[in-house]
């Protein structure tokens, strides 16, 4: 699962990844409740879970999340939460909490401090090492001029145009400033990640309960996979209807749109037109046209 924090500009986004174990420990027996769900999924040829946490009633919702984003760009103490599930479904809502904004701002601050401290630690580790290596390198000795060249150079005055000024030494790179906290970068990153996960636990898990009430019939991985399959089929059906030229249609109990009646004129206007039904209707109409004179 990816947890993304989008602060207001000019700050950069913060991204952390939370991973779960994919297999149970060897000394732990596989629960019967998990086995029953796997058997039900195999029976109906449904998608298998990626981790065993998806089969647990307490953790299936978190295990099915792909990305959670906190957006602080709205300001005024508002936080936009966007949850994207593994099947592409998105749940989005907004809440107002000054405490949550302060906690998320502290995550951004710790991340920036961790970056500053990491630059300084990198300079102390590699910068000083490169300086010591340059000091240890042997200096090249200039070749001694011959006696004849020394006499010639003493008699012939040197041209002022060929004189070269000594090249200035390149300025040394100053070390990056230390972070205001003075803590190591790894400690700052861990603190920021822990604070972000704690904010997710308090605000996101509670907010998702409005879509998946605890203890309800639709709660669990199997109902989640079934709803996902039905939604994909409905989206595909809607796409086929749009390609056929129908902008609106209710799957159960079709209703005509105000602009264009669903069934108007001949029956061939329907995308579900059946030639056999039309032929039976025409035969019945011809049989009723005959009178009893014959």
Protein backbone atom coordinates (compact mmCIF):
# COMPACT_ATOMS: atom_id res chain seq x y z
CA UNK A 1 0.00 0.00 0.00
CA UNK A 2 1.22 3.48 -0.90
CA UNK A 3 0.56 6.45 1.39
CA UNK A 4 0.99 9.78 -0.39
CA UNK A 5 0.98 13.22 1.22
CA UNK A 6 0.38 16.21 -1.05
CA UNK A 7 1.25 19.42 0.85
CA UNK A 8 0.51 22.91 -0.41
CA UNK A 9 3.14 24.42 -2.73
CA UNK A 10 6.07 24.90 -2.79
CA UNK A 11 6.66 21.76 -0.71
CA UNK A 12 7.27 18.43 -2.41
CA UNK A 13 5.03 15.39 -2.08
CA UNK A 14 5.86 12.73 0.49
CA UNK A 15 5.58 9.06 -0.42
CA UNK A 16 5.86 6.02 1.86
CA UNK A 17 5.18 2.35 1.18
CA UNK A 18 3.63 -0.04 3.69
CA UNK A 19 4.03 -3.74 2.90
CA UNK A 20 2.40 -6.81 4.43
CA UNK A 21 3.60 -10.38 4.74
CA UNK A 22 2.34 -12.56 1.92
CA UNK A 23 2.59 -15.88 3.76
CA UNK A 24 1.82 -17.12 7.23
CA UNK A 25 4.72 -18.26 9.42
CA UNK A 26 5.52 -21.92 9.17
CA UNK A 27 4.49 -22.71 12.76
CA UNK A 28 1.01 -21.14 12.34
CA UNK A 29 -1.79 -23.32 10.99
CA UNK A 30 -3.94 -21.96 8.17
CA UNK A 31 -7.33 -20.97 9.68
CA UNK A 32 -10.40 -22.85 8.51
CA UNK A 33 -12.21 -19.59 7.77
CA UNK A 34 -9.47 -18.69 5.29
CA UNK A 35 -9.69 -22.11 3.65
CA UNK A 36 -13.48 -21.81 3.25
CA UNK A 37 -13.11 -18.47 1.46
CA UNK A 38 -10.41 -19.81 -0.85
CA UNK A 39 -12.61 -22.78 -1.69
CA UNK A 40 -15.51 -20.44 -2.49
CA UNK A 41 -13.29 -18.32 -4.72
CA UNK A 42 -12.02 -21.39 -6.58
CA UNK A 43 -15.53 -22.72 -7.00
CA UNK A 44 -16.78 -19.57 -8.70
CA UNK A 45 -13.46 -18.83 -10.48
CA UNK A 46 -13.00 -15.48 -8.76
CA UNK A 47 -9.79 -13.54 -8.28
CA UNK A 48 -7.48 -14.90 -5.61
CA UNK A 49 -6.17 -12.56 -2.86
CA UNK A 50 -2.59 -11.36 -2.92
CA UNK A 51 -2.03 -11.76 0.83
CA UNK A 52 -3.72 -13.76 3.55
CA UNK A 53 -4.64 -10.46 5.27
CA UNK A 54 -7.37 -10.07 2.64
CA UNK A 55 -9.17 -13.10 4.06
CA UNK A 56 -9.37 -11.69 7.58
CA UNK A 57 -12.45 -9.76 8.66
CA UNK A 58 -10.39 -7.16 10.50
CA UNK A 59 -7.76 -6.43 7.83
CA UNK A 60 -9.31 -7.23 4.45
CA UNK A 61 -10.17 -3.59 3.71
CA UNK A 62 -6.63 -2.34 4.38
CA UNK A 63 -5.10 -5.23 2.41
CA UNK A 64 -7.28 -4.34 -0.60
CA UNK A 65 -6.08 -0.73 -0.68
CA UNK A 66 -3.55 0.22 -3.34
CA UNK A 67 -2.98 3.91 -2.56
CA UNK A 68 -4.13 6.45 0.02
CA UNK A 69 -3.55 10.16 -0.64
CA UNK A 70 -3.83 13.08 1.78
CA UNK A 71 -4.26 16.35 -0.11
CA UNK A 72 -3.65 19.57 1.85
CA UNK A 73 -3.77 21.94 -1.13
CA UNK A 74 -7.33 23.05 -0.34
CA UNK A 75 -6.26 24.98 2.77
CA UNK A 76 -8.54 26.28 5.55
CA UNK A 77 -7.90 23.16 7.62
CA UNK A 78 -9.47 20.87 5.00
CA UNK A 79 -8.00 17.50 4.15
CA UNK A 80 -9.01 15.61 1.01
CA UNK A 81 -8.66 11.83 1.31
CA UNK A 82 -8.57 9.70 -1.83
CA UNK A 83 -8.47 5.90 -1.46
CA UNK A 84 -7.79 3.74 -4.51
CA UNK A 85 -8.46 0.00 -4.23
CA UNK A 86 -6.69 -2.78 -6.10
CA UNK A 87 -9.61 -3.09 -8.53
CA UNK A 88 -9.51 0.61 -9.46
CA UNK A 89 -12.46 1.69 -7.31
CA UNK A 90 -11.98 5.12 -5.71
CA UNK A 91 -13.51 6.41 -2.47
CA UNK A 92 -13.06 10.12 -1.79
CA UNK A 93 -14.20 12.42 0.98
CA UNK A 94 -13.17 15.63 2.75
CA UNK A 95 -12.95 16.40 6.45
CA UNK A 96 -11.82 19.38 8.49
CA UNK A 97 -9.37 18.95 11.35
CA UNK A 98 -6.69 21.40 12.43
CA UNK A 99 -5.03 18.64 14.44
CA UNK A 100 -4.74 16.40 11.39
CA UNK A 101 -3.29 19.28 9.35
CA UNK A 102 -0.66 19.93 12.05
CA UNK A 103 0.27 16.24 12.18
CA UNK A 104 0.62 16.03 8.40
CA UNK A 105 2.64 19.27 8.37
CA UNK A 106 4.97 17.69 10.94
CA UNK A 107 5.43 14.74 8.56
CA UNK A 108 6.50 17.14 5.80
CA UNK A 109 8.89 18.91 8.17
CA UNK A 110 10.51 15.67 9.32
CA UNK A 111 10.90 14.54 5.71
CA UNK A 112 12.62 17.78 4.72
CA UNK A 113 14.90 17.61 7.76
CA UNK A 114 15.74 14.00 6.94
CA UNK A 115 16.75 15.05 3.42
CA UNK A 116 18.97 17.84 4.76
CA UNK A 117 20.60 15.55 7.30
CA UNK A 118 21.15 12.84 4.66
CA UNK A 119 22.99 15.35 2.45
CA UNK A 120 25.23 16.34 5.35
CA UNK A 121 25.91 12.72 6.27
CA UNK A 122 26.77 11.97 2.65
CA UNK A 123 29.17 14.90 2.56
CA UNK A 124 30.84 13.85 5.79
CA UNK A 125 31.19 10.29 4.53
CA UNK A 126 32.38 10.86 0.96
CA UNK A 127 33.49 14.51 0.88
CA UNK A 128 36.14 14.18 3.57
CA UNK A 129 37.27 10.91 2.05
CA UNK A 130 37.89 12.54 -1.36
CA UNK A 131 39.84 15.38 0.30
CA UNK A 132 42.10 12.94 2.15
CA UNK A 133 42.71 10.95 -1.03
CA UNK A 134 43.74 14.09 -2.91
CA UNK A 135 46.21 14.96 -0.15
CA UNK A 136 47.75 11.51 -0.30
CA UNK A 137 48.36 11.62 -4.05
CA UNK A 138 52.06 12.21 -4.91
CA UNK A 139 52.76 15.52 -6.58
CA UNK A 140 54.26 15.46 -10.03
CA UNK A 141 57.81 16.83 -10.30
CA UNK A 142 58.58 19.25 -13.04
CA UNK A 143 61.15 18.18 -15.54
CA UNK A 144 64.52 19.88 -15.05
CA UNK A 145 65.57 22.01 -17.98
CA UNK A 146 68.88 21.38 -19.64
CA UNK A 147 71.87 23.69 -19.17
CA UNK A 148 71.63 25.03 -22.75
CA UNK A 149 67.98 25.96 -22.35
CA UNK A 150 68.74 27.66 -19.07
CA UNK A 151 71.44 29.84 -20.74
CA UNK A 152 69.15 30.70 -23.66
CA UNK A 153 66.29 31.67 -21.40
CA UNK A 154 68.57 33.88 -19.34
CA UNK A 155 69.78 35.78 -22.45
CA UNK A 156 66.44 36.08 -24.26
CA UNK A 157 63.85 38.12 -22.35
CA UNK A 158 60.57 36.38 -21.92
CA UNK A 159 57.58 37.72 -23.82
CA UNK A 160 54.97 39.38 -21.61
CA UNK A 161 52.18 37.87 -23.69
CA UNK A 162 53.30 34.36 -22.85
CA UNK A 163 53.41 34.97 -19.13
CA UNK A 164 50.66 33.16 -17.33
CA UNK A 165 49.09 34.17 -14.08
CA UNK A 166 48.85 31.45 -11.48
CA UNK A 167 45.46 29.75 -11.65
CA UNK A 168 43.39 30.28 -8.54
CA UNK A 169 42.52 27.27 -6.50
CA UNK A 170 38.93 26.08 -6.94
CA UNK A 171 36.75 26.98 -3.99
CA UNK A 172 36.01 24.17 -1.67
CA UNK A 173 32.43 23.01 -1.39
CA UNK A 174 30.89 24.02 1.89
CA UNK A 175 29.16 21.29 3.88
CA UNK A 176 25.34 21.34 3.88
CA UNK A 177 23.76 22.85 6.98
CA UNK A 178 22.63 20.36 9.60
CA UNK A 179 18.96 19.73 10.24
CA UNK A 180 17.44 21.81 13.06
CA UNK A 181 16.53 18.66 14.98
CA UNK A 182 20.05 17.28 15.09
CA UNK A 183 18.73 13.71 14.75
CA UNK A 184 20.05 11.19 12.22
CA UNK A 185 18.25 11.04 8.88
CA UNK A 186 17.10 7.47 9.44
CA UNK A 187 15.46 8.43 12.73
CA UNK A 188 13.66 11.37 11.10
CA UNK A 189 12.38 9.20 8.25
CA UNK A 190 11.10 6.58 10.64
CA UNK A 191 9.33 9.21 12.72
CA UNK A 192 7.68 10.71 9.64
CA UNK A 193 6.57 7.29 8.39
CA UNK A 194 5.19 6.32 11.80
CA UNK A 195 3.24 9.58 12.10
CA UNK A 196 1.78 9.16 8.61
CA UNK A 197 0.68 5.58 9.30
CA UNK A 198 -0.89 6.70 12.60
CA UNK A 199 -2.81 9.45 10.77
CA UNK A 200 -4.02 6.85 8.27
CA UNK A 201 -5.21 4.62 11.11
CA UNK A 202 -7.16 7.36 12.87
CA UNK A 203 -8.76 9.13 9.91
CA UNK A 204 -8.82 6.82 6.88
CA UNK A 205 -9.86 3.54 8.49
CA UNK A 206 -12.62 5.37 10.33
CA UNK A 207 -13.72 7.16 7.16
CA UNK A 208 -13.91 3.96 5.12
CA UNK A 209 -16.34 2.46 7.63
CA UNK A 210 -19.10 4.53 6.05
CA UNK A 211 -18.69 2.56 2.83
CA UNK A 212 -18.05 -0.84 4.43
CA UNK A 213 -19.91 -1.04 7.77
CA UNK A 214 -18.43 -3.52 10.19
CA UNK A 215 -20.40 -6.75 10.53
CA UNK A 216 -22.56 -6.11 7.45
CA UNK A 217 -23.32 -8.75 4.84
CA UNK A 218 -21.21 -7.00 2.19
CA UNK A 219 -18.13 -6.90 4.41
CA UNK A 220 -15.26 -9.18 3.42
CA UNK A 221 -13.01 -10.07 0.53
CA UNK A 222 -15.46 -12.36 -1.28
CA UNK A 223 -18.26 -9.73 -1.50
CA UNK A 224 -15.61 -7.18 -2.50
CA UNK A 225 -14.46 -9.34 -5.42
CA UNK A 226 -18.06 -10.01 -6.50
CA UNK A 227 -18.91 -6.29 -6.48
CA UNK A 228 -15.75 -5.57 -8.43
CA UNK A 229 -16.66 -8.15 -11.08
CA UNK A 230 -20.22 -6.81 -11.38
CA UNK A 231 -18.98 -3.23 -11.69
CA UNK A 232 -16.56 -4.16 -14.46
CA UNK A 233 -19.34 -5.97 -16.33
CA UNK A 234 -21.68 -3.00 -15.95
CA UNK A 235 -18.98 -0.64 -17.24
CA UNK A 236 -18.43 -2.92 -20.22
CA UNK A 237 -22.16 -3.07 -20.91
CA UNK A 238 -22.42 0.71 -20.72
CA UNK A 239 -19.52 1.05 -23.16
CA UNK A 240 -21.22 -1.30 -25.63
CA UNK A 241 -24.46 0.68 -25.37
CA UNK A 242 -22.62 3.93 -26.01
CA UNK A 243 -20.99 2.42 -29.07
CA UNK A 244 -24.45 1.36 -30.28
CA UNK A 245 -25.73 4.93 -29.90
CA UNK A 246 -27.68 4.69 -26.66
CA UNK A 247 -26.69 7.33 -24.17
CA UNK A 248 -28.78 6.17 -21.22
CA UNK A 249 -30.30 2.85 -20.34
CA UNK A 250 -31.25 1.24 -17.08
CA UNK A 251 -30.22 -2.38 -17.05
CA UNK A 252 -33.20 -3.52 -15.01
CA UNK A 253 -36.37 -1.95 -16.40
CA UNK A 254 -35.23 0.11 -19.37
CA UNK A 255 -36.51 3.67 -19.53
CA UNK A 256 -36.38 5.93 -22.59
CA UNK A 257 -34.36 9.09 -22.52
CA UNK A 258 -36.12 12.44 -23.09
CA UNK A 259 -34.08 13.16 -26.21
CA UNK A 260 -34.39 9.78 -27.84
CA UNK A 261 -37.00 7.11 -26.97
CA UNK A 262 -35.43 3.77 -26.26
CA UNK A 263 -37.87 1.72 -28.35
CA UNK A 264 -39.48 3.77 -31.07
CA UNK A 265 -40.60 2.68 -34.49
CA UNK A 266 -39.41 -0.72 -35.60
CA UNK A 267 -38.02 -3.26 -33.20
CA UNK A 268 -34.69 -3.20 -35.00
CA UNK A 269 -33.83 0.02 -33.07
CA UNK A 270 -33.12 -2.06 -29.98
CA UNK A 271 -29.57 -3.38 -29.53
CA UNK A 272 -31.10 -6.62 -28.24
CA UNK A 273 -33.29 -7.14 -31.31
CA UNK A 274 -34.08 -10.82 -31.97
CA UNK A 275 -34.91 -11.99 -35.49
CA UNK A 276 -36.70 -15.12 -34.24
CA UNK A 277 -39.12 -13.09 -32.13
CA UNK A 278 -39.87 -10.79 -35.08
CA UNK A 279 -40.56 -13.78 -37.36
CA UNK A 280 -42.93 -15.36 -34.83
CA UNK A 281 -44.79 -12.06 -34.49
CA UNK A 282 -45.24 -11.74 -38.26
CA UNK A 283 -46.54 -15.33 -38.54
CA UNK A 284 -49.09 -14.70 -35.80
CA UNK A 285 -50.29 -11.51 -37.51
CA UNK A 286 -50.75 -13.35 -40.84
CA UNK A 287 -52.70 -16.15 -39.19
CA UNK A 288 -55.14 -13.74 -37.58
CA UNK A 289 -55.80 -11.91 -40.87
CA UNK A 290 -57.58 -14.91 -42.45
CA UNK A 291 -61.35 -15.10 -42.09
CA UNK A 292 -63.53 -18.19 -41.65
CA UNK A 293 -65.05 -18.17 -45.14
CA UNK A 294 -62.72 -20.95 -46.29
